[in-house]
Amino acid sequence: MNITPEIISSELIETNLKITRSRNPNYIGIYGKVIDETKKTFVISNAGKTKMVVKGISIFHFSLSDGTIVEIDGRLLVGRPEDRLKKCIKRLW
């Protein structure tokens, strides 16, 4: 699946995600809605509980508004959200 730079630089708050792979085995399988984002973490809410997960060590599946599921390596998402929206991303594929 090709990931366009527009997806990486888009706003991810209020997007549903699931962690499919991670160097921390406790993160695998966590899913929910992104309620906050910092430079290195996502805050995910599911069933009234919130969890903070590190971006750089995980692979995420994001469910977009049109129903498409996109897999993104968390290392591409590390950085302040407002800076990520502005930066130009070089295509590697």
C-alpha atoms as a PDB file:
ATOM      1  CA  MET A   1       0.000   0.000   0.000  1.00  0.00           C
ATOM      2  CA  ASN A   2       1.377   3.401  -0.944  1.00  0.00           C
ATOM      3  CA  ILE A   3       1.147   6.143   1.646  1.00  0.00           C
ATOM      4  CA  THR A   4       0.989   9.636   0.265  1.00  0.00           C
ATOM      5  CA  PRO A   5       2.682  12.496   2.089  1.00  0.00           C
ATOM      6  CA  GLU A   6      -0.742  14.109   2.509  1.00  0.00           C
ATOM      7  CA  ILE A   7      -1.821  11.344   4.905  1.00  0.00           C
ATOM      8  CA  ILE A   8       1.298  11.700   7.039  1.00  0.00           C
ATOM      9  CA  SER A   9       0.974  15.470   7.251  1.00  0.00           C
ATOM     10  CA  SER A  10      -2.761  15.469   7.979  1.00  0.00           C
ATOM     11  CA  GLU A  11      -4.473  16.060  11.323  1.00  0.00           C
ATOM     12  CA  LEU A  12      -4.746  12.778  13.253  1.00  0.00           C
ATOM     13  CA  ILE A  13      -6.780  13.867  16.282  1.00  0.00           C
ATOM     14  CA  GLU A  14     -10.265  12.258  16.250  1.00  0.00           C
ATOM     15  CA  THR A  15      -8.958   9.471  13.987  1.00  0.00           C
ATOM     16  CA  ASN A  16      -9.393   5.829  14.969  1.00  0.00           C
ATOM     17  CA  LEU A  17      -6.222   3.801  15.212  1.00  0.00           C
ATOM     18  CA  LYS A  18      -4.979   0.376  16.177  1.00  0.00           C
ATOM     19  CA  ILE A  19      -1.426  -0.594  17.088  1.00  0.00           C
ATOM     20  CA  THR A  20      -0.452  -3.664  15.092  1.00  0.00           C
ATOM     21  CA  ARG A  21       3.286  -3.948  15.851  1.00  0.00           C
ATOM     22  CA  SER A  22       5.478  -2.443  18.510  1.00  0.00           C
ATOM     23  CA  ARG A  23       8.762  -2.975  20.302  1.00  0.00           C
ATOM     24  CA  ASN A  24       6.707  -2.757  23.513  1.00  0.00           C
ATOM     25  CA  PRO A  25       4.518  -5.905  23.565  1.00  0.00           C
ATOM     26  CA  ASN A  26       2.010  -4.190  25.892  1.00  0.00           C
ATOM     27  CA  TYR A  27       1.063  -1.751  23.104  1.00  0.00           C
ATOM     28  CA  ILE A  28       0.075  -4.395  20.541  1.00  0.00           C
ATOM     29  CA  GLY A  29      -3.696  -4.513  20.067  1.00  0.00           C
ATOM     30  CA  ILE A  30      -4.458  -1.128  21.656  1.00  0.00           C
ATOM     31  CA  TYR A  31      -7.139   0.636  19.653  1.00  0.00           C
ATOM     32  CA  GLY A  32      -9.349   3.665  19.997  1.00  0.00           C
ATOM     33  CA  LYS A  33      -9.671   7.296  19.027  1.00  0.00           C
ATOM     34  CA  VAL A  34      -6.753   9.718  19.152  1.00  0.00           C
ATOM     35  CA  ILE A  35      -7.740  12.469  21.595  1.00  0.00           C
ATOM     36  CA  ASP A  36      -4.393  14.245  21.900  1.00  0.00           C
ATOM     37  CA  GLU A  37      -0.981  14.219  20.290  1.00  0.00           C
ATOM     38  CA  THR A  38       2.395  15.454  21.490  1.00  0.00           C
ATOM     39  CA  LYS A  39       5.825  15.383  19.892  1.00  0.00           C
ATOM     40  CA  LYS A  40       6.487  11.745  20.787  1.00  0.00           C
ATOM     41  CA  THR A  41       3.141  10.308  21.967  1.00  0.00           C
ATOM     42  CA  PHE A  42      -0.501   9.707  21.124  1.00  0.00           C
ATOM     43  CA  VAL A  43      -3.200   9.757  23.796  1.00  0.00           C
ATOM     44  CA  ILE A  44      -5.814   7.158  22.842  1.00  0.00           C
ATOM     45  CA  SER A  45      -9.297   6.872  24.334  1.00  0.00           C
ATOM     46  CA  ASN A  46     -11.320   3.663  24.328  1.00  0.00           C
ATOM     47  CA  ALA A  47     -14.388   2.912  26.457  1.00  0.00           C
ATOM     48  CA  GLY A  48     -13.685   5.772  28.855  1.00  0.00           C
ATOM     49  CA  LYS A  49     -10.057   4.768  29.438  1.00  0.00           C
ATOM     50  CA  THR A  50      -7.083   6.688  28.100  1.00  0.00           C
ATOM     51  CA  LYS A  51      -3.670   5.315  27.218  1.00  0.00           C
ATOM     52  CA  MET A  52      -0.526   7.157  26.206  1.00  0.00           C
ATOM     53  CA  VAL A  53       1.605   5.382  23.608  1.00  0.00           C
ATOM     54  CA  VAL A  54       4.979   6.286  22.126  1.00  0.00           C
ATOM     55  CA  LYS A  55       4.901   6.972  18.381  1.00  0.00           C
ATOM     56  CA  GLY A  56       8.443   6.003  17.402  1.00  0.00           C
ATOM     57  CA  ILE A  57       8.337   2.340  18.414  1.00  0.00           C
ATOM     58  CA  SER A  58       5.001   1.312  16.896  1.00  0.00           C
ATOM     59  CA  ILE A  59       3.264   0.615  13.602  1.00  0.00           C
ATOM     60  CA  PHE A  60      -0.256   2.064  13.432  1.00  0.00           C
ATOM     61  CA  HIS A  61      -3.347   1.283  11.385  1.00  0.00           C
ATOM     62  CA  PHE A  62      -5.416   4.441  10.939  1.00  0.00           C
ATOM     63  CA  SER A  63      -9.059   4.279   9.839  1.00  0.00           C
ATOM     64  CA  LEU A  64      -9.763   7.265   7.613  1.00  0.00           C
ATOM     65  CA  SER A  65     -13.158   8.909   7.222  1.00  0.00           C
ATOM     66  CA  ASP A  66     -13.849   7.127   3.897  1.00  0.00           C
ATOM     67  CA  GLY A  67     -13.281   3.706   5.504  1.00  0.00           C
ATOM     68  CA  THR A  68      -9.754   3.214   4.192  1.00  0.00           C
ATOM     69  CA  ILE A  69      -7.268   1.649   6.598  1.00  0.00           C
ATOM     70  CA  VAL A  70      -3.714   2.959   6.270  1.00  0.00           C
ATOM     71  CA  GLU A  71      -0.609   1.504   7.907  1.00  0.00           C
ATOM     72  CA  ILE A  72       1.951   4.109   9.010  1.00  0.00           C
ATOM     73  CA  ASP A  73       5.261   3.608  10.768  1.00  0.00           C
ATOM     74  CA  GLY A  74       5.292   5.759  13.890  1.00  0.00           C
ATOM     75  CA  ARG A  75       8.806   7.032  13.129  1.00  0.00           C
ATOM     76  CA  LEU A  76       7.275   9.088  10.301  1.00  0.00           C
ATOM     77  CA  LEU A  77       4.896  10.724  12.781  1.00  0.00           C
ATOM     78  CA  VAL A  78       7.432  11.756  15.443  1.00  0.00           C
ATOM     79  CA  GLY A  79       7.485  15.522  15.815  1.00  0.00           C
ATOM     80  CA  ARG A  80       5.227  18.297  17.000  1.00  0.00           C
ATOM     81  CA  PRO A  81       1.857  18.037  15.245  1.00  0.00           C
ATOM     82  CA  GLU A  82       1.940  21.639  14.046  1.00  0.00           C
ATOM     83  CA  ASP A  83       5.418  21.165  12.552  1.00  0.00           C
ATOM     84  CA  ARG A  84       4.464  17.884  10.896  1.00  0.00           C
ATOM     85  CA  LEU A  85       1.576  19.646   9.145  1.00  0.00           C
ATOM     86  CA  LYS A  86       4.011  22.174   7.650  1.00  0.00           C
ATOM     87  CA  LYS A  87       6.987  20.030   6.662  1.00  0.00           C
ATOM     88  CA  CYS A  88       7.558  18.647   3.213  1.00  0.00           C
ATOM     89  CA  ILE A  89       8.038  14.865   3.176  1.00  0.00           C
ATOM     90  CA  LYS A  90      10.241  13.236   0.572  1.00  0.00           C
ATOM     91  CA  ARG A  91       8.695  10.180  -1.043  1.00  0.00           C
ATOM     92  CA  LEU A  92      10.683   7.022  -0.408  1.00  0.00           C
ATOM     93  CA  TRP A  93       8.541   4.684  -2.515  1.00  0.00           C
END
